[in-house]
Structures are given as C-alpha cells and as structure tokens.
Amino acid sequence: MRIEEIKKVCFVGAGTMGCYNSLLAGIAGYEAVVYDISQEALEEVSSGQEQLGDFLVSMGIFDKESVMQGRSRIRLEADLKEAVKNADLLSESVFEKLELKRQIHCQFDELCPPETILTTNTSTYMVSEIEDVVGRGDRFAAMHFHLGTRLVDVVPGPRTSAETLDIITRFV
C-alpha cells in the first residue's frame, strides 16, 4: 500500500541491503531506482533480488506473483543525477564506514530535490553522527531494514521534523 507523499525511492548501494530494500519498495508498489558507482554491483542486482525474492516466498512473507511485480518496478541506474531525479525518498545502504556515509549524504543533500527525504540504513552509527553534514536535517532519519523480515527501525535525528517522521513511518 503506497502513501501519497512517496512515489519514487532511490536506493544508494546495490549490495545485499540495497537489493532487499528496493525489492520491498517495489513489492509495495513504489517506483524504485537502485544506484551504485560500481557497474559490477549493479549487474548483480537481478540475481540478488531473485534469491531474496525466493527466500521471502519460502518464508511465506510474499507470494511469487507479488515478488515478480515488485521486481518489474525497479530500475538500475549508474548515472547519479538520473537516479535522484524526482526522488521523494532516498535510502542509503553503503558500507558501514562513517566518513563514507557522511560524504554520500553531503553529496545527495546537494543533488536531490529539496523535498526529498534522506535516510540511512545504518546499523552501527547514530543519526546525529551523519545528519550534521546535510542542510535538510529536518528531512533526515535512519530507516534500518532487517534482512528477511518486515521489521524496519525508524530513528529520528536531533533535527528530524515530526512531519518527516510521520511520512517515513507510514512509508514503512
């Protein structure tokens, strides 16, 4: 079930979590774009999502048809500007390296439309360790997906607005 405020979600990082998170968004009916600087990583997304989809089906979380429809809503993109174009939500899932996450969020804060909500899928760092590099701290939070479940932690930062928290929570 989609929410009105979110139509397109950009997933930064084509590793396991980027594949999984984008697959869930596609299944939920959202347009999803997976961006990565590595063409090799992007080439692995399809097989990764196939395996993750089979796992979700075997667990009884989704049926095969839902997974297939979800996968059809996902686009791969190596061009940074195209990936974020018209994105309502950005979900970053890169390596758990603080400086890398900070660098990426600073970059995407400048590139994304002003209304885009920025999120990190970090499982290691506090939101406050990342959000100070973005101008839109009111539109930044953690949205941490747990692989193989429907569980998602939503953690606001010091400047996250109530409206942003509400949108992320309803999206999840």
Protein backbone atom coordinates (compact mmCIF):
# COMPACT_ATOMS: atom_id res chain seq x y z
CA MET A 1 0.00 0.00 0.00
CA ARG A 2 1.57 3.26 -1.16
CA ILE A 3 1.38 6.61 0.59
CA GLU A 4 0.64 9.81 -1.30
CA GLU A 5 3.88 11.62 -0.42
CA ILE A 6 6.19 8.93 -1.81
CA LYS A 7 6.15 7.84 -5.43
CA LYS A 8 9.82 7.28 -6.27
CA VAL A 9 12.51 5.93 -3.98
CA CYS A 10 16.21 6.00 -4.79
CA PHE A 11 18.30 3.28 -3.13
CA VAL A 12 22.00 4.10 -2.89
CA GLY A 13 24.13 0.98 -2.77
CA ALA A 14 23.49 -2.17 -4.80
CA GLY A 15 24.69 -4.65 -2.19
CA THR A 16 22.50 -7.05 -0.25
CA MET A 17 20.59 -4.39 1.68
CA GLY A 18 20.06 -2.13 -1.34
CA CYS A 19 18.71 -5.14 -3.26
CA TYR A 20 16.47 -6.17 -0.38
CA ASN A 21 15.17 -2.70 0.47
CA SER A 22 14.41 -1.85 -3.16
CA LEU A 23 12.65 -5.19 -3.61
CA LEU A 24 10.38 -4.45 -0.64
CA ALA A 25 9.60 -1.00 -2.04
CA GLY A 26 8.83 -2.46 -5.47
CA ILE A 27 6.54 -5.08 -3.92
CA ALA A 28 4.75 -2.31 -2.03
CA GLY A 29 4.05 -0.58 -5.36
CA TYR A 30 6.70 2.15 -5.40
CA GLU A 31 8.91 3.10 -8.32
CA ALA A 32 12.40 2.16 -7.16
CA VAL A 33 15.80 3.07 -8.54
CA VAL A 34 18.98 1.34 -7.38
CA TYR A 35 22.09 3.48 -7.78
CA ASP A 36 25.69 2.38 -7.35
CA ILE A 37 29.02 3.68 -8.57
CA SER A 38 30.00 0.10 -9.43
CA GLN A 39 28.61 -1.26 -12.70
CA GLU A 40 29.61 -4.70 -11.47
CA ALA A 41 27.43 -4.31 -8.37
CA LEU A 42 24.50 -3.15 -10.50
CA GLU A 43 24.89 -6.21 -12.70
CA GLU A 44 24.42 -8.43 -9.62
CA VAL A 45 21.15 -6.81 -8.51
CA SER A 46 18.87 -9.00 -10.60
CA SER A 47 20.28 -12.28 -9.33
CA GLY A 48 20.43 -10.93 -5.78
CA GLN A 49 16.79 -9.90 -5.91
CA GLU A 50 15.82 -13.24 -7.40
CA GLN A 51 17.44 -15.04 -4.47
CA LEU A 52 15.94 -12.65 -1.92
CA GLY A 53 12.53 -12.97 -3.56
CA ASP A 54 12.72 -16.77 -3.43
CA PHE A 55 13.65 -16.52 0.26
CA LEU A 56 10.69 -14.22 1.02
CA VAL A 57 8.35 -16.59 -0.82
CA SER A 58 9.74 -19.64 1.04
CA MET A 59 9.17 -17.80 4.35
CA GLY A 60 5.54 -17.12 3.38
CA ILE A 61 6.05 -13.35 3.59
CA PHE A 62 5.10 -12.73 -0.07
CA ASP A 63 3.83 -14.81 -2.97
CA LYS A 64 5.81 -15.29 -6.19
CA GLU A 65 3.50 -13.00 -8.21
CA SER A 66 3.99 -10.10 -5.77
CA VAL A 67 7.75 -10.52 -5.96
CA MET A 68 7.70 -10.58 -9.77
CA GLN A 69 5.52 -7.45 -9.93
CA GLY A 70 7.78 -5.76 -7.40
CA ARG A 71 10.89 -6.54 -9.42
CA SER A 72 9.27 -5.00 -12.50
CA ARG A 73 9.10 -1.63 -10.69
CA ILE A 74 12.85 -1.49 -10.06
CA ARG A 75 15.29 0.29 -12.37
CA LEU A 76 19.07 0.22 -12.15
CA GLU A 77 20.99 3.44 -12.64
CA ALA A 78 24.70 4.27 -12.85
CA ASP A 79 24.06 7.98 -13.53
CA LEU A 80 23.85 9.82 -10.23
CA LYS A 81 21.70 12.72 -11.45
CA GLU A 82 19.22 10.40 -13.18
CA ALA A 83 18.99 8.21 -10.09
CA VAL A 84 17.87 11.05 -7.82
CA LYS A 85 15.74 12.89 -10.37
CA ASN A 86 12.23 13.32 -8.86
CA ALA A 87 13.10 11.11 -5.87
CA ASP A 88 10.77 11.60 -2.93
CA LEU A 89 12.84 9.39 -0.64
CA LEU A 90 16.48 8.35 -0.67
CA SER A 91 17.64 5.26 1.23
CA GLU A 92 21.39 4.89 1.62
CA SER A 93 22.82 1.40 2.20
CA VAL A 94 26.55 1.66 1.69
CA PHE A 95 29.39 0.12 3.72
CA GLU A 96 29.33 0.87 7.44
CA LYS A 97 32.07 3.48 7.25
CA LEU A 98 31.11 6.75 8.91
CA GLU A 99 33.11 9.06 6.63
CA LEU A 100 31.68 7.37 3.54
CA LYS A 101 28.12 7.78 4.81
CA ARG A 102 28.78 11.42 5.69
CA GLN A 103 30.32 12.09 2.26
CA ILE A 104 27.41 10.44 0.46
CA HIS A 105 24.74 12.31 2.41
CA CYS A 106 26.50 15.63 1.88
CA GLN A 107 26.61 14.90 -1.86
CA PHE A 108 22.99 13.77 -2.09
CA ASP A 109 21.80 16.70 0.02
CA GLU A 110 23.08 18.94 -2.78
CA LEU A 111 21.83 16.80 -5.68
CA CYS A 112 18.36 15.72 -4.55
CA PRO A 113 15.29 17.90 -4.95
CA PRO A 114 14.68 19.99 -1.79
CA GLU A 115 11.62 17.94 -0.79
CA THR A 116 13.49 14.60 -0.89
CA ILE A 117 13.72 12.84 2.46
CA LEU A 118 17.19 11.39 3.08
CA THR A 119 17.60 8.21 5.12
CA THR A 120 20.42 5.94 6.17
CA ASN A 121 20.14 2.19 6.65
CA THR A 122 22.96 2.22 9.20
CA SER A 123 23.02 -0.41 11.91
CA THR A 124 26.14 1.00 13.55
CA TYR A 125 26.02 4.79 13.76
CA MET A 126 23.77 7.27 15.49
CA VAL A 127 21.76 9.55 13.22
CA SER A 128 23.46 12.57 14.79
CA GLU A 129 26.85 11.30 13.57
CA ILE A 130 25.70 11.68 9.97
CA GLU A 131 22.95 14.30 9.81
CA ASP A 132 25.09 17.31 10.65
CA VAL A 133 26.51 17.27 7.08
CA VAL A 134 23.09 17.82 5.49
CA GLY A 135 21.31 21.13 5.29
CA ARG A 136 17.94 19.41 5.47
CA GLY A 137 18.34 17.86 8.91
CA ASP A 138 14.57 18.17 9.32
CA ARG A 139 14.23 15.69 6.42
CA PHE A 140 16.84 13.15 7.58
CA ALA A 141 16.48 9.99 9.67
CA ALA A 142 17.56 6.37 9.91
CA MET A 143 15.35 3.78 8.24
CA HIS A 144 17.04 0.48 9.03
CA PHE A 145 15.62 -2.62 7.35
CA HIS A 146 16.17 -6.05 8.90
CA LEU A 147 17.00 -8.63 6.25
CA GLY A 148 14.45 -11.42 5.92
CA THR A 149 11.73 -9.70 7.92
CA ARG A 150 9.23 -6.87 7.65
CA LEU A 151 10.89 -5.17 10.61
CA VAL A 152 12.21 -1.66 9.99
CA ASP A 153 13.65 0.66 12.64
CA VAL A 154 12.83 4.33 12.14
CA VAL A 155 15.09 6.60 14.19
CA PRO A 156 14.86 10.39 14.05
CA GLY A 157 17.84 12.68 14.41
CA PRO A 158 18.11 15.82 16.52
CA ARG A 159 16.54 17.94 13.74
CA THR A 160 14.12 15.43 12.18
CA SER A 161 10.69 17.03 11.88
CA ALA A 162 7.51 15.37 13.11
CA GLU A 163 6.19 15.52 9.54
CA THR A 164 9.22 13.64 8.18
CA LEU A 165 8.96 11.03 10.91
CA ASP A 166 5.26 10.59 10.10
CA ILE A 167 5.94 10.16 6.36
CA ILE A 168 8.73 7.61 6.93
CA THR A 169 6.64 5.68 9.44
CA ARG A 170 3.68 5.48 7.07
CA PHE A 171 6.01 4.51 4.20
CA VAL A 172 7.37 1.65 6.27
